[in-house]
Structure formats: structure tokens, C-alpha cells
Protein backbone atom coordinates (compact mmCIF):
# COMPACT_ATOMS: atom_id res chain seq x y z
CA MET A 1 -13.21 -36.24 -32.47
CA LEU A 2 -14.85 -36.62 -29.05
CA ASP A 3 -17.14 -39.39 -30.35
CA SER A 4 -14.11 -41.46 -31.34
CA VAL A 5 -12.55 -41.34 -27.87
CA SER A 6 -13.47 -43.71 -25.08
CA GLY A 7 -15.05 -42.19 -21.99
CA GLU A 8 -13.28 -44.72 -19.77
CA LEU A 9 -9.67 -44.02 -18.89
CA ASP A 10 -7.24 -46.29 -17.10
CA PRO A 11 -4.95 -44.58 -14.58
CA GLU A 12 -1.34 -44.43 -15.71
CA PRO A 13 1.06 -45.89 -13.13
CA THR A 14 3.50 -43.15 -12.18
CA HIS A 15 6.35 -42.71 -9.74
CA ARG A 16 6.88 -39.74 -7.44
CA ASP A 17 10.06 -38.90 -9.36
CA ASP A 18 8.50 -39.06 -12.83
CA ILE A 19 8.22 -35.76 -14.71
CA ALA A 20 4.64 -34.50 -14.33
CA PHE A 21 4.50 -30.94 -15.68
CA TRP A 22 6.47 -27.87 -16.70
CA ASN A 23 6.24 -24.50 -15.05
CA PHE A 24 7.35 -21.45 -16.99
CA SER A 25 9.35 -18.56 -15.54
CA GLY A 26 7.79 -15.10 -15.67
CA GLY A 27 9.67 -13.79 -18.70
CA THR A 28 9.80 -10.20 -17.40
CA THR A 29 13.50 -9.76 -18.18
CA GLY A 30 13.96 -12.46 -20.83
CA LYS A 31 12.14 -15.24 -22.62
CA PRO A 32 10.09 -17.57 -20.36
CA LYS A 33 12.05 -20.71 -19.48
CA GLY A 34 10.57 -24.18 -19.09
CA VAL A 35 11.02 -25.69 -15.61
CA PRO A 36 10.22 -29.44 -15.38
CA HIS A 37 8.74 -30.74 -12.13
CA MET A 38 8.04 -34.21 -10.76
CA HIS A 39 4.80 -35.66 -9.42
CA ARG A 40 6.00 -35.28 -5.84
CA ASP A 41 6.60 -31.54 -6.28
CA GLY A 42 2.91 -30.76 -6.70
CA ALA A 43 2.00 -32.86 -3.65
CA ILE A 44 4.62 -31.12 -1.49
CA ALA A 45 3.50 -27.68 -2.64
CA TYR A 46 -0.11 -28.54 -1.79
CA GLU A 47 0.76 -29.70 1.73
CA SER A 48 2.72 -26.51 2.42
CA PHE A 49 -0.16 -24.38 1.13
CA GLN A 50 -2.76 -26.20 3.23
CA HIS A 51 -0.80 -25.51 6.41
CA VAL A 52 -1.04 -21.75 5.79
CA LEU A 53 -4.12 -21.00 3.69
CA GLY A 54 -5.97 -24.30 3.61
CA TYR A 55 -9.00 -24.82 1.37
CA LYS A 56 -12.22 -26.36 2.65
CA GLU A 57 -14.63 -28.69 0.88
CA ASN A 58 -17.32 -26.00 0.73
CA ASP A 59 -15.02 -23.39 -0.83
CA VAL A 60 -15.74 -21.96 -4.28
CA VAL A 61 -12.51 -20.61 -5.79
CA LEU A 62 -12.35 -17.90 -8.47
CA ARG A 63 -8.97 -17.11 -10.01
CA VAL A 64 -7.98 -14.01 -11.97
CA PRO A 65 -4.82 -15.05 -13.91
CA LYS A 66 -4.96 -17.51 -16.81
CA LEU A 67 -4.33 -21.14 -15.91
CA PHE A 68 -0.96 -21.38 -17.68
CA PHE A 69 0.44 -19.27 -14.83
CA HIS A 70 1.54 -21.81 -12.20
CA TYR A 71 0.20 -19.66 -9.34
CA SER A 72 -3.25 -19.69 -10.94
CA ARG A 73 -3.11 -23.34 -12.02
CA ASP A 74 -2.22 -24.49 -8.51
CA LEU A 75 -4.25 -22.18 -6.25
CA GLY A 76 -7.07 -21.71 -8.75
CA LEU A 77 -7.52 -25.30 -9.96
CA MET A 78 -5.35 -28.14 -8.68
CA PHE A 79 -5.27 -27.33 -4.96
CA PRO A 80 -9.01 -26.67 -4.55
CA LEU A 81 -9.88 -29.86 -6.46
CA ARG A 82 -7.43 -31.81 -4.27
CA ALA A 83 -9.25 -30.41 -1.21
CA GLY A 84 -12.69 -31.30 -2.59
CA ALA A 85 -13.62 -27.67 -3.25
CA SER A 86 -15.21 -26.18 -6.38
CA VAL A 87 -13.63 -23.89 -8.97
CA VAL A 88 -15.05 -21.30 -11.35
CA LEU A 89 -13.77 -21.67 -14.92
CA PHE A 90 -14.46 -19.11 -17.63
CA PRO A 91 -13.22 -18.47 -21.18
CA GLU A 92 -13.43 -14.67 -21.29
CA ARG A 93 -10.49 -12.30 -21.19
CA THR A 94 -10.06 -11.25 -17.57
CA THR A 95 -11.30 -7.73 -16.82
CA ALA A 96 -12.66 -6.11 -13.68
CA GLU A 97 -16.13 -6.18 -15.24
CA VAL A 98 -15.88 -9.94 -15.88
CA ILE A 99 -14.58 -10.65 -12.37
CA PHE A 100 -17.36 -8.64 -10.71
CA GLU A 101 -19.97 -10.44 -12.83
CA LEU A 102 -18.53 -13.87 -11.91
CA ILE A 103 -18.57 -12.90 -8.23
CA ARG A 104 -22.18 -11.78 -8.58
CA LYS A 105 -23.14 -15.03 -10.31
CA HIS A 106 -21.15 -17.71 -8.47
CA LYS A 107 -20.61 -16.20 -4.99
CA PRO A 108 -17.03 -17.52 -4.58
CA THR A 109 -15.51 -17.83 -1.12
CA VAL A 110 -11.89 -17.39 -2.26
CA LEU A 111 -10.49 -14.94 -4.83
CA ILE A 112 -7.06 -15.65 -6.37
CA ASN A 113 -5.98 -12.19 -7.51
CA VAL A 114 -3.02 -10.15 -8.76
CA PRO A 115 -2.15 -6.51 -7.93
CA THR A 116 -2.94 -5.29 -11.46
CA MET A 117 -6.52 -6.57 -11.19
CA MET A 118 -6.85 -5.30 -7.63
CA ARG A 119 -6.05 -1.82 -8.94
CA ALA A 120 -8.61 -2.21 -11.76
CA MET A 121 -11.30 -3.34 -9.31
CA ILE A 122 -10.60 -0.39 -7.02
CA GLN A 123 -10.88 2.02 -9.95
CA THR A 124 -14.23 0.56 -11.05
CA PRO A 125 -17.10 2.96 -10.24
CA GLU A 126 -18.94 1.91 -7.09
CA SER A 127 -22.21 1.47 -8.98
CA GLU A 128 -20.56 -1.16 -11.23
CA ARG A 129 -18.99 -3.26 -8.45
CA SER A 130 -20.37 -6.43 -6.91
CA ASP A 131 -20.81 -7.17 -3.22
CA LEU A 132 -17.72 -9.06 -2.04
CA SER A 133 -19.15 -10.22 1.29
CA CYS A 134 -19.28 -13.81 -0.04
CA LEU A 135 -15.47 -13.95 0.09
CA ARG A 136 -13.77 -15.37 3.17
CA ARG A 137 -10.30 -14.86 1.73
CA CYS A 138 -8.52 -12.82 -0.95
CA MET A 139 -5.05 -13.79 -2.11
CA SER A 140 -2.49 -12.04 -4.27
CA SER A 141 0.74 -13.04 -5.99
CA GLY A 142 2.60 -12.57 -9.26
CA GLU A 143 4.10 -9.17 -8.44
CA LEU A 144 4.69 -6.92 -5.45
CA LEU A 145 1.59 -5.90 -3.50
CA SER A 146 2.55 -2.44 -2.26
CA ALA A 147 1.40 -1.12 1.10
CA GLN A 148 -0.34 1.73 -0.70
CA LEU A 149 -2.39 -0.58 -2.94
CA TYR A 150 -3.17 -2.82 0.03
CA ASP A 151 -4.49 0.16 1.99
CA GLN A 152 -6.59 1.31 -0.98
CA TRP A 153 -8.13 -2.17 -1.20
CA ILE A 154 -8.93 -2.17 2.51
CA LYS A 155 -10.57 1.26 2.27
CA THR A 156 -12.57 0.21 -0.80
CA PHE A 157 -13.63 -3.34 0.05
CA GLY A 158 -12.89 -3.72 3.76
CA MET A 159 -11.15 -7.11 3.63
CA GLU A 160 -7.54 -8.14 4.02
CA VAL A 161 -5.47 -9.60 1.19
CA VAL A 162 -3.02 -12.39 1.96
CA ASN A 163 -0.11 -12.11 -0.44
CA ARG A 164 2.45 -14.80 -1.18
CA PHE A 165 5.74 -15.01 -3.04
CA GLY A 166 6.97 -18.04 -4.95
CA SER A 167 8.59 -19.08 -8.20
CA ALA A 168 8.34 -21.45 -11.13
CA GLU A 169 11.61 -23.03 -10.01
CA SER A 170 10.51 -23.81 -6.44
CA CYS A 171 6.99 -24.93 -7.45
CA MET A 172 5.56 -23.37 -4.29
CA GLY A 173 5.02 -20.20 -2.35
CA TYR A 174 7.97 -19.95 0.01
CA LEU A 175 6.92 -16.62 1.54
CA CYS A 176 3.44 -15.72 2.69
CA ASN A 177 1.67 -13.33 5.01
CA ARG A 178 -0.69 -15.06 7.42
CA PRO A 179 -4.44 -14.42 7.74
CA GLY A 180 -4.99 -11.91 10.52
CA ALA A 181 -1.28 -11.02 10.65
CA VAL A 182 -0.67 -9.27 7.33
CA VAL A 183 2.13 -6.69 7.32
CA PRO A 184 1.30 -4.44 4.32
CA GLY A 185 4.15 -4.10 1.83
CA SER A 186 6.00 -7.18 3.08
CA SER A 187 6.15 -10.59 1.42
CA GLY A 188 5.41 -12.34 4.71
CA THR A 189 7.36 -15.04 6.50
CA ALA A 190 8.72 -18.42 5.44
CA THR A 191 6.14 -21.12 4.71
CA PRO A 192 6.27 -24.70 6.02
CA MET A 193 8.62 -27.14 4.27
CA THR A 194 10.94 -24.38 3.02
CA GLU A 195 14.36 -23.09 4.06
CA LEU A 196 15.45 -19.53 3.24
CA LYS A 197 18.59 -17.46 3.56
CA ILE A 198 19.82 -14.13 2.22
CA ILE A 199 23.38 -13.94 0.92
CA ASP A 200 25.80 -11.21 -0.12
CA GLU A 201 27.92 -11.02 -3.29
CA LYS A 202 30.47 -13.43 -1.78
CA GLY A 203 27.81 -16.03 -0.93
CA SER A 204 27.90 -15.40 2.82
CA GLU A 205 24.64 -15.24 4.74
CA VAL A 206 23.81 -11.69 5.88
CA ALA A 207 22.39 -10.50 9.19
CA LYS A 208 18.78 -9.46 9.63
CA GLY A 209 18.20 -5.98 8.29
CA SER A 210 20.87 -6.35 5.59
CA SER A 211 19.91 -6.82 1.96
CA GLY A 212 21.03 -9.55 -0.40
CA VAL A 213 19.87 -12.26 -2.77
CA LEU A 214 17.25 -14.68 -1.48
CA MET A 215 18.17 -18.37 -1.62
CA VAL A 216 15.47 -21.05 -1.33
CA ARG A 217 15.63 -24.75 -0.55
CA CYS A 218 12.63 -27.10 -0.57
CA ASP A 219 11.81 -30.65 -1.63
CA ALA A 220 9.63 -29.36 -4.48
CA SER A 221 12.51 -27.60 -6.21
CA ALA A 222 13.27 -28.28 -9.86
CA LEU A 223 16.70 -29.40 -11.04
CA CYS A 224 17.19 -27.39 -14.21
CA TYR A 225 15.72 -25.29 -17.00
CA VAL A 226 14.86 -26.91 -20.30
CA ARG A 227 17.63 -26.43 -22.88
CA ASP A 228 19.47 -23.74 -20.91
CA HIS A 229 22.48 -25.32 -19.24
CA GLU A 230 24.31 -22.09 -18.38
CA LYS A 231 21.28 -20.47 -16.75
CA SER A 232 20.59 -23.72 -14.89
CA LYS A 233 24.10 -23.65 -13.37
CA ARG A 234 23.59 -20.08 -12.15
CA THR A 235 20.17 -20.76 -10.63
CA PHE A 236 20.32 -24.34 -9.31
CA VAL A 237 23.57 -23.93 -7.43
CA GLY A 238 23.87 -27.25 -5.59
CA ASP A 239 22.76 -28.86 -2.34
CA GLU A 240 19.15 -28.21 -3.52
CA TRP A 241 19.52 -24.41 -3.19
CA ILE A 242 17.87 -22.10 -5.74
CA ASN A 243 19.30 -18.65 -6.41
CA THR A 244 16.09 -16.66 -6.90
CA GLY A 245 17.82 -13.52 -8.20
CA ASP A 246 15.48 -11.50 -5.97
CA LEU A 247 16.79 -8.93 -3.49
CA PHE A 248 15.27 -9.01 0.00
CA PHE A 249 15.97 -8.10 3.58
CA GLN A 250 14.53 -9.80 6.66
CA ASP A 251 13.36 -7.68 9.59
CA ASP A 252 13.64 -8.52 13.29
CA LYS A 253 10.15 -10.08 13.24
CA ASP A 254 11.16 -12.47 10.42
CA TYR A 255 9.13 -10.72 7.72
CA PHE A 256 10.80 -10.52 4.32
CA TRP A 257 10.77 -7.31 2.24
CA TYR A 258 11.22 -7.37 -1.52
CA LEU A 259 13.68 -4.85 -2.98
CA GLY A 260 13.62 -5.83 -6.65
CA ARG A 261 15.48 -8.08 -9.05
CA ALA A 262 19.25 -8.21 -8.66
CA ASP A 263 19.64 -7.99 -12.44
CA GLU A 264 17.46 -4.87 -12.60
CA MET A 265 19.54 -2.75 -10.23
CA VAL A 266 20.79 0.44 -11.86
CA LYS A 267 24.02 2.27 -11.00
CA VAL A 268 23.33 6.02 -10.96
CA SER A 269 26.03 8.52 -10.00
CA GLY A 270 28.12 5.62 -8.74
CA VAL A 271 25.37 4.33 -6.42
CA TRP A 272 23.20 1.24 -6.92
CA VAL A 273 19.49 2.08 -7.12
CA SER A 274 16.47 -0.23 -7.12
CA PRO A 275 13.90 0.84 -9.75
CA LEU A 276 11.24 -0.62 -7.47
CA GLU A 277 11.90 2.14 -4.92
CA ILE A 278 11.14 4.82 -7.53
CA GLU A 279 8.08 2.91 -8.74
CA ARG A 280 6.70 2.79 -5.20
CA CYS A 281 7.25 6.53 -4.86
CA LEU A 282 5.48 7.29 -8.15
CA GLN A 283 2.57 5.02 -7.22
CA GLU A 284 1.93 7.18 -4.17
CA HIS A 285 0.96 10.06 -6.46
CA PRO A 286 -2.83 10.22 -6.94
CA HIS A 287 -2.55 10.75 -10.71
CA VAL A 288 -0.46 7.59 -11.34
CA LYS A 289 -2.38 4.45 -12.25
CA GLU A 290 0.60 2.29 -13.11
CA CYS A 291 4.31 2.72 -13.77
CA ALA A 292 7.61 1.02 -14.51
CA VAL A 293 11.14 2.40 -14.07
CA LEU A 294 14.19 1.26 -16.04
CA GLY A 295 17.81 2.28 -16.42
CA ILE A 296 18.50 3.43 -20.00
CA ASN A 297 21.46 4.94 -21.83
CA ASP A 298 21.19 8.65 -22.62
CA LYS A 299 22.75 10.34 -25.67
CA ASP A 300 26.11 10.44 -23.91
CA GLY A 301 26.03 6.74 -23.07
CA LEU A 302 25.37 7.34 -19.38
CA ILE A 303 22.70 5.34 -17.53
CA VAL A 304 19.72 7.41 -16.36
CA LEU A 305 16.40 6.44 -14.81
CA LYS A 306 13.39 6.52 -17.10
CA ALA A 307 9.78 6.09 -15.94
CA TYR A 308 6.94 4.79 -18.07
CA VAL A 309 3.71 6.08 -16.55
CA LYS A 310 0.03 5.41 -17.14
CA LEU A 311 -1.91 8.38 -15.78
CA SER A 312 -5.41 8.60 -14.39
CA GLU A 313 -8.03 10.42 -16.42
CA SER A 314 -7.88 13.39 -14.04
CA ILE A 315 -4.70 14.86 -15.54
CA GLU A 316 -3.44 15.36 -19.08
CA ALA A 317 -0.11 13.87 -20.15
CA GLY A 318 2.51 16.47 -20.96
CA GLU A 319 5.33 18.60 -19.59
CA ARG A 320 3.26 19.87 -16.67
CA ALA A 321 2.43 16.34 -15.49
CA SER A 322 6.03 15.25 -16.01
CA GLU A 323 7.42 18.08 -13.87
CA GLU A 324 4.82 17.42 -11.17
CA LEU A 325 5.87 13.77 -10.90
CA LYS A 326 9.56 14.68 -10.82
CA ARG A 327 8.92 17.17 -7.99
CA HIS A 328 6.98 14.48 -6.14
CA CYS A 329 9.95 12.10 -6.37
CA LYS A 330 12.49 14.76 -5.39
CA LYS A 331 10.56 15.43 -2.18
CA LYS A 332 10.62 11.78 -1.12
CA LEU A 333 13.83 10.36 -2.59
CA ALA A 334 17.53 11.16 -2.68
CA ALA A 335 18.38 13.66 -5.42
CA TYR A 336 20.08 11.10 -7.68
CA LYS A 337 17.05 8.77 -7.61
CA TYR A 338 14.35 10.81 -9.32
CA PRO A 339 13.57 9.77 -12.95
CA ARG A 340 15.25 12.12 -15.43
CA SER A 341 12.89 11.03 -18.19
CA ILE A 342 9.16 10.28 -18.03
CA GLU A 343 7.21 8.77 -20.90
CA PHE A 344 3.43 8.65 -20.66
CA VAL A 345 1.76 5.55 -22.11
CA ALA A 346 -1.83 4.45 -22.64
CA ASP A 347 -1.01 1.03 -21.19
CA LEU A 348 2.02 -0.84 -19.93
CA PRO A 349 2.84 -4.10 -21.75
CA LYS A 350 2.21 -7.26 -19.75
CA THR A 351 3.55 -10.80 -19.88
CA GLY A 352 1.19 -13.76 -20.06
CA GLN A 353 1.33 -13.89 -16.25
CA GLY A 354 0.11 -10.29 -15.94
CA LYS A 355 3.47 -8.81 -14.92
CA ILE A 356 4.89 -5.67 -16.51
CA ASP A 357 7.00 -6.73 -19.49
CA ARG A 358 10.27 -4.88 -18.89
CA ARG A 359 11.99 -6.71 -21.72
CA PHE A 360 9.47 -5.24 -24.16
CA LEU A 361 9.94 -1.75 -22.67
CA ARG A 362 13.70 -1.98 -23.10
CA GLY A 363 13.17 -2.62 -26.78
CA ALA A 364 10.60 0.19 -27.12
């Protein structure tokens, strides 16, 4: 096949408003949705990124997620090539062992990571790790980077992680911590070329310190989802604003704090609860490797909180472990927030982007 194809290619004339590529939404609460973007969107996203976390020509970039994830495709391939930098490509399934070996072999200067892999690298025995001193920058995205995991990374490897928050719809990271000014647990501050606001249920902008849904406006925004008109109307709401469906609050220093998905909030005892708050609490327990919390219907049809937990090897799954985790939550959370049910699992299901697949868990 390759022998029959010419090695000389003529550039295709394109316009800034021609469709160039599709991003795909995360698919954590439903099926991934195609999001078409124009040629200009990628260029705008690159310029915004360079203002905050700019690549250099002598950078060697290693990315953890697969390239079909837009975060990985952009920061791990397109942006470094645009800057004249080098990238490390590999066919293997991504594991901590593979990443450490690639670091040992290629000495990258930038690591494009996700919290799940950060946790796996931390849990790797010291004798099996590689020296990370070649790295000038570590980045994280794809899911929340908790303050606890950030602190564990610092204690283990001694280097900061700059985390960012973006979406398939916006085509760019609209929130990002800044090198040397990371606030652990936060999603950072607004990036260049973006406009953000947080609104309440009536659509009114809220004051700092109050929670609501994050709205994003930028010139790289998409216009619709592919073959999903109703969802497009709810997300792309007009005047170039995107309803992210993510709950945030902004503090008095302009840092944004993620509270969870608006459509994942659970009403328990008449009060709205964010499963993310319970997940953060569980993750503070030394025996918890990974967890996810959902609202499920009990035998009486009432919604209760259920936790799916992957334990460390230092404790055996069972009633004793379950009661210990419940006591841990009761000490730190309001009484109605602790998980009434805990199911121990060998692994939590993941989407193609490495996020916990809550849709799969709901069907489990």
C-alpha cells in the first residue's frame, strides 16, 4: 500500500473557518459526543497555551494519555511540533512501568500526565522508578488533581505539577495554575483569550465565593455537537457562551475551585450533595487507592450514596474495611454525607480518556 502512494504531497488550500477536526467529549456520564472544530480553533488554542506554559524548541515532550484525547493530541503532539520541539511516540499500553522506561530512555523535559497515572507512579516501588530530574515541567489534566495527590507527588518526586482545565467544546484550557504559583486543589485562574463567569439556576452571575455553573466564551469554541441538536441547544447557549455543566466557585484571589458536575449532584435528606466531596474525603484515607461515589436508589426507592473503592494491598476488603471508611467519613463530613453503601472493586472502569466511567458504574 505504501509503495503505491506518492511521497510528495501538495498542501490543500484551507480557510480559517473550514472544519479541521473533531474533538470528542469525555463520555463519563453518557456516550462521547463529536465536537467539530475549525482550523482557526487550533491556532487560537495554541497561542493561549504558549502565553501560559510555552514550549521551547529544545523541549522533548512525553504524553501519558492516548492521542485521541484532545488534551493529549494538542499538548502532547500538535503544540510541541508547532513550537519546533520533539515528541515521544510509543505504541504500548500506558503503564507506570512504561512511562518510567520512556523517561529513562528519552530524557523528556515535559511530561503530559493525568492524576490516575500520577497515583500509579507514586505507588511504584522506589527501586523501580526513574530519575525525573530531566523534567522542567509536569502538567496534569483530564480529571481533578486533588490537593492530597498533589502533595503526595511533591513528597515523592519533589517537583510541582501545573494542572489545567478545559473541554472538547472550547478546544482549549480555559483554567490553569501558573508555574511557581500553583494552589493545590484548585483549577487555577483564567487563561488568556478566554472569558469566564459563574451563574446560578436563573442564569444570573454569582458573586465570588458562591457556587454555580461555569460558563466559558472564547474564539476557539465549537458551535454544536454532531447529530445531537437538543444537547447542542443546552450547551451552546448563544452569544458564543458554552454551558460547561461544571460547578465551580471563584475565590477572592481569582482561583477557581471545581465542585463536580451539575448533573451528578445527589439530593440526600433534602440537601444537595456533591459526590466529589465524599470522594475527596475517602481519598484522604491511607488504604484507599481510588474511588467513585454515586447516588443510587435503595430497595425503598430512596437515593443513597454508594462508594466504589479500590483498596491498597495493606488491608483486606470486607465489613471491617467498610466500617472503617464509613467512620472516617463521619468524622470529616456532615452526617447525611457519608456513603451508606461501599463496594470494593479490583479496578474502577475508565473511559478512553482515562476518566472514571460513571455511566458504566451506574449500569453495574
